């Protein structure tokens, strides 16, 4: 799976490829962060929202 990665706001975008092992590692890291932020489940998250942003660009030829 190809992913786009930007280490910080001032750097250029980099393409990285994630195999199934790396993808599972990154997913586990995300859940570990959520677990740490909720203090291992002792801090309830009563209200949460999930935003998904899909960006797309198109390059159309001049048909004149």
PDB file of N, CA and C in Angstrom:
ATOM      1  N   UNK A   1       0.844  -1.161   0.000  1.00  0.00           N
ATOM      2  CA  UNK A   1       0.000   0.000   0.000  1.00  0.00           C
ATOM      3  C   UNK A   1       0.896   1.233   0.000  1.00  0.00           C
ATOM      4  N   UNK A   2       0.598   2.170  -0.867  1.00  0.00           N
ATOM      5  CA  UNK A   2       1.382   3.392  -0.940  1.00  0.00           C
ATOM      6  C   UNK A   2       0.744   4.442  -0.048  1.00  0.00           C
ATOM      7  N   UNK A   3       1.534   5.072   0.753  1.00  0.00           N
ATOM      8  CA  UNK A   3       1.075   6.131   1.639  1.00  0.00           C
ATOM      9  C   UNK A   3       1.902   7.380   1.384  1.00  0.00           C
ATOM     10  N   UNK A   4       1.330   8.512   1.671  1.00  0.00           N
ATOM     11  CA  UNK A   4       2.037   9.772   1.578  1.00  0.00           C
ATOM     12  C   UNK A   4       2.343  10.239   2.986  1.00  0.00           C
ATOM     13  N   UNK A   5       3.550  10.668   3.196  1.00  0.00           N
ATOM     14  CA  UNK A   5       4.038  10.972   4.529  1.00  0.00           C
ATOM     15  C   UNK A   5       4.688  12.347   4.524  1.00  0.00           C
ATOM     16  N   UNK A   6       4.379  13.133   5.530  1.00  0.00           N
ATOM     17  CA  UNK A   6       4.979  14.451   5.683  1.00  0.00           C
ATOM     18  C   UNK A   6       5.461  14.564   7.124  1.00  0.00           C
ATOM     19  N   UNK A   7       6.782  14.485   7.347  1.00  0.00           N
ATOM     20  CA  UNK A   7       7.312  14.477   8.711  1.00  0.00           C
ATOM     21  C   UNK A   7       6.923  15.720   9.530  1.00  0.00           C
ATOM     22  N   UNK A   8       6.893  16.877   8.899  1.00  0.00           N
ATOM     23  CA  UNK A   8       6.453  18.089   9.575  1.00  0.00           C
ATOM     24  C   UNK A   8       5.877  19.049   8.544  1.00  0.00           C
ATOM     25  N   UNK A   9       5.339  20.140   8.987  1.00  0.00           N
ATOM     26  CA  UNK A   9       4.604  21.034   8.092  1.00  0.00           C
ATOM     27  C   UNK A   9       5.495  21.725   7.063  1.00  0.00           C
ATOM     28  N   UNK A  10       6.787  21.855   7.350  1.00  0.00           N
ATOM     29  CA  UNK A  10       7.681  22.555   6.435  1.00  0.00           C
ATOM     30  C   UNK A  10       8.392  21.637   5.443  1.00  0.00           C
ATOM     31  N   UNK A  11       8.302  20.355   5.627  1.00  0.00           N
ATOM     32  CA  UNK A  11       9.008  19.431   4.739  1.00  0.00           C
ATOM     33  C   UNK A  11       8.149  19.047   3.538  1.00  0.00           C
ATOM     34  N   UNK A  12       8.793  18.466   2.550  1.00  0.00           N
ATOM     35  CA  UNK A  12       8.082  18.007   1.357  1.00  0.00           C
ATOM     36  C   UNK A  12       7.413  16.663   1.626  1.00  0.00           C
ATOM     37  N   UNK A  13       6.393  16.370   0.843  1.00  0.00           N
ATOM     38  CA  UNK A  13       5.674  15.104   0.964  1.00  0.00           C
ATOM     39  C   UNK A  13       6.553  13.987   0.403  1.00  0.00           C
ATOM     40  N   UNK A  14       6.567  12.851   1.105  1.00  0.00           N
ATOM     41  CA  UNK A  14       7.325  11.685   0.671  1.00  0.00           C
ATOM     42  C   UNK A  14       6.366  10.530   0.459  1.00  0.00           C
ATOM     43  N   UNK A  15       6.633   9.703  -0.529  1.00  0.00           N
ATOM     44  CA  UNK A  15       5.862   8.480  -0.758  1.00  0.00           C
ATOM     45  C   UNK A  15       6.543   7.343  -0.018  1.00  0.00           C
ATOM     46  N   UNK A  16       5.769   6.576   0.723  1.00  0.00           N
ATOM     47  CA  UNK A  16       6.305   5.394   1.385  1.00  0.00           C
ATOM     48  C   UNK A  16       5.386   4.222   1.062  1.00  0.00           C
ATOM     49  N   UNK A  17       5.939   3.041   1.045  1.00  0.00           N
ATOM     50  CA  UNK A  17       5.173   1.840   0.767  1.00  0.00           C
ATOM     51  C   UNK A  17       5.108   1.001   2.030  1.00  0.00           C
ATOM     52  N   UNK A  18       3.901   0.591   2.401  1.00  0.00           N
ATOM     53  CA  UNK A  18       3.702  -0.195   3.604  1.00  0.00           C
ATOM     54  C   UNK A  18       3.308  -1.618   3.219  1.00  0.00           C
ATOM     55  N   UNK A  19       4.108  -2.568   3.648  1.00  0.00           N
ATOM     56  CA  UNK A  19       3.701  -3.957   3.462  1.00  0.00           C
ATOM     57  C   UNK A  19       2.758  -4.325   4.610  1.00  0.00           C
ATOM     58  N   UNK A  20       2.244  -5.522   4.614  1.00  0.00           N
ATOM     59  CA  UNK A  20       1.243  -5.906   5.617  1.00  0.00           C
ATOM     60  C   UNK A  20       1.809  -5.850   7.040  1.00  0.00           C
ATOM     61  N   UNK A  21       3.084  -6.178   7.206  1.00  0.00           N
ATOM     62  CA  UNK A  21       3.699  -6.139   8.536  1.00  0.00           C
ATOM     63  C   UNK A  21       3.815  -4.704   9.041  1.00  0.00           C
ATOM     64  N   UNK A  22       4.290  -3.810   8.188  1.00  0.00           N
ATOM     65  CA  UNK A  22       4.446  -2.398   8.572  1.00  0.00           C
ATOM     66  C   UNK A  22       3.077  -1.754   8.806  1.00  0.00           C
ATOM     67  N   UNK A  23       2.091  -2.121   7.991  1.00  0.00           N
ATOM     68  CA  UNK A  23       0.745  -1.582   8.157  1.00  0.00           C
ATOM     69  C   UNK A  23       0.164  -1.994   9.506  1.00  0.00           C
ATOM     70  N   UNK A  24       0.370  -3.254   9.901  1.00  0.00           N
ATOM     71  CA  UNK A  24      -0.105  -3.728  11.197  1.00  0.00           C
ATOM     72  C   UNK A  24       0.612  -3.008  12.337  1.00  0.00           C
ATOM     73  N   UNK A  25       1.914  -2.769  12.168  1.00  0.00           N
ATOM     74  CA  UNK A  25       2.676  -2.047  13.188  1.00  0.00           C
ATOM     75  C   UNK A  25       2.143  -0.632  13.377  1.00  0.00           C
ATOM     76  N   UNK A  26       1.888   0.072  12.281  1.00  0.00           N
ATOM     77  CA  UNK A  26       1.370   1.444  12.364  1.00  0.00           C
ATOM     78  C   UNK A  26      -0.033   1.464  12.971  1.00  0.00           C
ATOM     79  N   UNK A  27      -0.855   0.484  12.636  1.00  0.00           N
ATOM     80  CA  UNK A  27      -2.196   0.391  13.213  1.00  0.00           C
ATOM     81  C   UNK A  27      -2.112   0.148  14.717  1.00  0.00           C
ATOM     82  N   UNK A  28      -1.224  -0.759  15.131  1.00  0.00           N
ATOM     83  CA  UNK A  28      -1.031  -1.024  16.560  1.00  0.00           C
ATOM     84  C   UNK A  28      -0.537   0.219  17.289  1.00  0.00           C
ATOM     85  N   UNK A  29       0.356   0.985  16.649  1.00  0.00           N
ATOM     86  CA  UNK A  29       0.847   2.230  17.252  1.00  0.00           C
ATOM     87  C   UNK A  29      -0.287   3.235  17.457  1.00  0.00           C
ATOM     88  N   UNK A  30      -1.207   3.315  16.496  1.00  0.00           N
ATOM     89  CA  UNK A  30      -2.343   4.230  16.625  1.00  0.00           C
ATOM     90  C   UNK A  30      -3.240   3.823  17.792  1.00  0.00           C
ATOM     91  N   UNK A  31      -3.493   2.518  17.932  1.00  0.00           N
ATOM     92  CA  UNK A  31      -4.319   2.055  19.046  1.00  0.00           C
ATOM     93  C   UNK A  31      -3.594   2.212  20.382  1.00  0.00           C
ATOM     94  N   UNK A  32      -2.276   2.054  20.390  1.00  0.00           N
ATOM     95  CA  UNK A  32      -1.510   2.283  21.618  1.00  0.00           C
ATOM     96  C   UNK A  32      -1.590   3.742  22.043  1.00  0.00           C
ATOM     97  N   UNK A  33      -1.551   4.658  21.074  1.00  0.00           N
ATOM     98  CA  UNK A  33      -1.670   6.083  21.389  1.00  0.00           C
ATOM     99  C   UNK A  33      -3.054   6.391  21.954  1.00  0.00           C
ATOM    100  N   UNK A  34      -4.086   5.831  21.357  1.00  0.00           N
ATOM    101  CA  UNK A  34      -5.444   6.030  21.877  1.00  0.00           C
ATOM    102  C   UNK A  34      -5.576   5.469  23.280  1.00  0.00           C
ATOM    103  N   UNK A  35      -4.977   4.327  23.532  1.00  0.00           N
ATOM    104  CA  UNK A  35      -4.998   3.715  24.861  1.00  0.00           C
ATOM    105  C   UNK A  35      -4.285   4.611  25.877  1.00  0.00           C
ATOM    106  N   UNK A  36      -3.158   5.190  25.482  1.00  0.00           N
ATOM    107  CA  UNK A  36      -2.416   6.077  26.386  1.00  0.00           C
ATOM    108  C   UNK A  36      -3.196   7.360  26.657  1.00  0.00           C
ATOM    109  N   UNK A  37      -3.837   7.908  25.627  1.00  0.00           N
ATOM    110  CA  UNK A  37      -4.600   9.143  25.802  1.00  0.00           C
ATOM    111  C   UNK A  37      -5.826   8.932  26.683  1.00  0.00           C
ATOM    112  N   UNK A  38      -6.393   7.740  26.657  1.00  0.00           N
ATOM    113  CA  UNK A  38      -7.569   7.459  27.491  1.00  0.00           C
ATOM    114  C   UNK A  38      -7.174   6.824  28.823  1.00  0.00           C
ATOM    115  N   UNK A  39      -5.877   6.828  29.122  1.00  0.00           N
ATOM    116  CA  UNK A  39      -5.335   6.272  30.371  1.00  0.00           C
ATOM    117  C   UNK A  39      -5.741   4.814  30.556  1.00  0.00           C
ATOM    118  N   UNK A  40      -5.564   4.038  29.512  1.00  0.00           N
ATOM    119  CA  UNK A  40      -5.845   2.608  29.588  1.00  0.00           C
ATOM    120  C   UNK A  40      -7.309   2.281  29.781  1.00  0.00           C
ATOM    121  N   UNK A  41      -8.185   3.164  29.336  1.00  0.00           N
ATOM    122  CA  UNK A  41      -9.613   2.915  29.464  1.00  0.00           C
ATOM    123  C   UNK A  41     -10.219   3.495  30.722  1.00  0.00           C
ATOM    124  N   UNK A  42      -9.399   4.017  31.653  1.00  0.00           N
ATOM    125  CA  UNK A  42      -9.946   4.583  32.884  1.00  0.00           C
ATOM    126  C   UNK A  42     -10.536   5.976  32.655  1.00  0.00           C
ATOM    127  N   UNK A  43     -10.154   6.639  31.580  1.00  0.00           N
ATOM    128  CA  UNK A  43     -10.710   7.938  31.222  1.00  0.00           C
ATOM    129  C   UNK A  43     -11.686   7.718  30.074  1.00  0.00           C
ATOM    130  N   UNK A  44     -12.980   7.814  30.337  1.00  0.00           N
ATOM    131  CA  UNK A  44     -13.947   7.535  29.274  1.00  0.00           C
ATOM    132  C   UNK A  44     -13.947   8.626  28.208  1.00  0.00           C
ATOM    133  N   UNK A  45     -14.166   8.219  26.988  1.00  0.00           N
ATOM    134  CA  UNK A  45     -14.312   9.164  25.884  1.00  0.00           C
ATOM    135  C   UNK A  45     -15.806   9.213  25.585  1.00  0.00           C
ATOM    136  N   UNK A  46     -16.483  10.205  26.172  1.00  0.00           N
ATOM    137  CA  UNK A  46     -17.944  10.276  26.091  1.00  0.00           C
ATOM    138  C   UNK A  46     -18.424  10.730  24.723  1.00  0.00           C
ATOM    139  N   UNK A  47     -17.695  11.618  24.106  1.00  0.00           N
ATOM    140  CA  UNK A  47     -18.133  12.144  22.822  1.00  0.00           C
ATOM    141  C   UNK A  47     -16.909  12.276  21.923  1.00  0.00           C
ATOM    142  N   UNK A  48     -16.964  11.664  20.782  1.00  0.00           N
ATOM    143  CA  UNK A  48     -15.860  11.734  19.837  1.00  0.00           C
ATOM    144  C   UNK A  48     -16.421  11.793  18.430  1.00  0.00           C
ATOM    145  N   UNK A  49     -15.683  12.428  17.544  1.00  0.00           N
ATOM    146  CA  UNK A  49     -16.076  12.509  16.145  1.00  0.00           C
ATOM    147  C   UNK A  49     -14.908  12.053  15.288  1.00  0.00           C
ATOM    148  N   UNK A  50     -15.225  11.402  14.202  1.00  0.00           N
ATOM    149  CA  UNK A  50     -14.222  10.943  13.265  1.00  0.00           C
ATOM    150  C   UNK A  50     -14.423  11.685  11.956  1.00  0.00           C
ATOM    151  N   UNK A  51     -13.373  12.316  11.487  1.00  0.00           N
ATOM    152  CA  UNK A  51     -13.420  13.025  10.224  1.00  0.00           C
ATOM    153  C   UNK A  51     -12.538  12.288   9.226  1.00  0.00           C
ATOM    154  N   UNK A  52     -13.070  12.052   8.059  1.00  0.00           N
ATOM    155  CA  UNK A  52     -12.309  11.441   6.977  1.00  0.00           C
ATOM    156  C   UNK A  52     -12.271  12.448   5.839  1.00  0.00           C
ATOM    157  N   UNK A  53     -11.065  12.783   5.413  1.00  0.00           N
ATOM    158  CA  UNK A  53     -10.890  13.745   4.336  1.00  0.00           C
ATOM    159  C   UNK A  53     -10.274  13.018   3.150  1.00  0.00           C
ATOM    160  N   UNK A  54     -10.941  13.103   2.013  1.00  0.00           N
ATOM    161  CA  UNK A  54     -10.434  12.494   0.793  1.00  0.00           C
ATOM    162  C   UNK A  54     -10.116  13.626  -0.177  1.00  0.00           C
ATOM    163  N   UNK A  55      -8.862  13.730  -0.535  1.00  0.00           N
ATOM    164  CA  UNK A  55      -8.434  14.782  -1.460  1.00  0.00           C
ATOM    165  C   UNK A  55      -8.089  14.152  -2.803  1.00  0.00           C
ATOM    166  N   UNK A  56      -8.416  14.863  -3.848  1.00  0.00           N
ATOM    167  CA  UNK A  56      -8.142  14.345  -5.180  1.00  0.00           C
ATOM    168  C   UNK A  56      -7.811  15.507  -6.104  1.00  0.00           C
ATOM    169  N   UNK A  57      -6.916  15.271  -7.015  1.00  0.00           N
ATOM    170  CA  UNK A  57      -6.606  16.278  -8.028  1.00  0.00           C
ATOM    171  C   UNK A  57      -6.828  15.658  -9.398  1.00  0.00           C
ATOM    172  N   UNK A  58      -7.192  16.485 -10.334  1.00  0.00           N
ATOM    173  CA  UNK A  58      -7.423  16.030 -11.700  1.00  0.00           C
ATOM    174  C   UNK A  58      -6.642  16.906 -12.651  1.00  0.00           C
ATOM    175  N   UNK A  59      -6.107  16.302 -13.644  1.00  0.00           N
ATOM    176  CA  UNK A  59      -5.379  17.028 -14.674  1.00  0.00           C
ATOM    177  C   UNK A  59      -6.112  16.784 -15.992  1.00  0.00           C
ATOM    178  N   UNK A  60      -6.793  17.793 -16.488  1.00  0.00           N
ATOM    179  CA  UNK A  60      -7.584  17.651 -17.703  1.00  0.00           C
ATOM    180  C   UNK A  60      -6.850  18.333 -18.861  1.00  0.00           C
ATOM    181  N   UNK A  61      -6.900  17.700 -20.010  1.00  0.00           N
ATOM    182  CA  UNK A  61      -6.261  18.281 -21.181  1.00  0.00           C
ATOM    183  C   UNK A  61      -7.148  19.378 -21.747  1.00  0.00           C
ATOM    184  N   UNK A  62      -6.498  20.335 -22.378  1.00  0.00           N
ATOM    185  CA  UNK A  62      -7.224  21.397 -23.052  1.00  0.00           C
ATOM    186  C   UNK A  62      -7.793  20.821 -24.348  1.00  0.00           C
ATOM    187  N   UNK A  63      -9.110  20.737 -24.479  1.00  0.00           N
ATOM    188  CA  UNK A  63      -9.732  20.088 -25.610  1.00  0.00           C
ATOM    189  C   UNK A  63     -10.082  21.042 -26.743  1.00  0.00           C
ATOM    190  N   UNK A  64      -9.578  22.229 -26.758  1.00  0.00           N
ATOM    191  CA  UNK A  64      -9.883  23.188 -27.832  1.00  0.00           C
ATOM    192  C   UNK A  64      -9.004  22.981 -29.005  1.00  0.00           C
TER     193      UNK A  64
END
